[in-house]
Each structure stands twice: as C-alpha cells, then as structure tokens.
Amino acid sequence: MTIVPSGPMLVEGPVEIVTDDGVTHTSDRFVVAVCACRRSKRYPSYDTSHRRRVRE
C-alpha cells in the first residue's frame, strides 16, 4: 500500500474492502485508489471529485 500525501491510498489488487456498514466492495484491478478522507462520492473508491484546483 502507498499513501499519497493529500490523496488516496493506492493498494495493489485484487482487493476486497468491507466498509463500516458491512458492505463488501471488490476490485480485480492491479492498483485500486481508496479514498482516505471519506469525501468521495463513490466511497471507498477515490473519484477525484474533491481534489483541490490550483489557479495560475
């Protein structure tokens, strides 16, 4: 597992994640991005919907 600063946790797959409510989420991908802050619209998957935008 790799923790990305201000980002998701990258977990080598396949993975099976059980959330607090008992729901099991599975993925057979090589790497799975798991949301660490719980603000993702598709939690536990990381969806970049809340990523900070930097204006130049």
Protein backbone atom coordinates (compact mmCIF):
# COMPACT_ATOMS: atom_id res chain seq x y z
CA MET A 1 0.00 0.00 0.00
CA THR A 2 1.19 3.51 -0.85
CA ILE A 3 -0.26 6.59 0.84
CA VAL A 4 -0.33 9.65 -1.44
CA PRO A 5 0.01 12.94 0.51
CA SER A 6 -3.32 14.81 0.31
CA GLY A 7 -4.65 11.99 -1.86
CA PRO A 8 -5.80 8.38 -1.88
CA MET A 9 -4.26 5.19 -0.61
CA LEU A 10 -3.03 3.07 -3.53
CA VAL A 11 -3.49 -0.64 -2.84
CA GLU A 12 -2.17 -3.41 -5.07
CA GLY A 13 -5.09 -5.54 -6.22
CA PRO A 14 -7.14 -7.52 -6.37
CA VAL A 15 -8.72 -6.19 -3.17
CA GLU A 16 -11.80 -6.69 -1.04
CA ILE A 17 -12.85 -3.80 1.22
CA VAL A 18 -15.52 -4.10 3.91
CA THR A 19 -16.96 -0.73 5.00
CA ASP A 20 -18.33 0.17 8.45
CA ASP A 21 -21.87 -0.69 7.37
CA GLY A 22 -20.81 -4.23 6.39
CA VAL A 23 -20.94 -3.76 2.61
CA THR A 24 -18.16 -5.55 0.73
CA HIS A 25 -16.54 -3.82 -2.26
CA THR A 26 -14.32 -5.87 -4.55
CA SER A 27 -11.98 -4.93 -7.38
CA ASP A 28 -9.75 -7.06 -9.58
CA ARG A 29 -7.65 -4.14 -10.87
CA PHE A 30 -3.86 -4.13 -10.48
CA VAL A 31 -3.97 -0.97 -8.34
CA VAL A 32 -7.00 0.40 -6.51
CA ALA A 33 -7.27 4.01 -5.25
CA VAL A 34 -9.05 4.09 -1.89
CA CYS A 35 -10.35 7.41 -0.54
CA ALA A 36 -8.71 8.26 2.80
CA CYS A 37 -10.85 11.28 3.72
CA ARG A 38 -14.33 9.77 3.07
CA ARG A 39 -15.46 12.75 0.94
CA SER A 40 -15.56 10.79 -2.31
CA LYS A 41 -18.98 10.48 -3.92
CA ARG A 42 -18.12 6.83 -4.66
CA TYR A 43 -16.56 5.95 -1.26
CA PRO A 44 -14.50 3.82 -0.69
CA SER A 45 -13.30 4.40 -4.26
CA TYR A 46 -11.36 7.59 -4.89
CA ASP A 47 -13.08 9.68 -7.59
CA THR A 48 -11.11 13.00 -7.56
CA SER A 49 -14.39 14.92 -7.14
CA HIS A 50 -12.99 16.88 -4.20
CA ARG A 51 -9.45 17.39 -5.47
CA ARG A 52 -8.15 20.91 -4.89
CA ARG A 53 -7.86 23.01 -8.01
CA VAL A 54 -4.92 25.36 -8.33
CA ARG A 55 -5.42 28.55 -10.33
CA GLU A 56 -2.48 30.10 -12.09
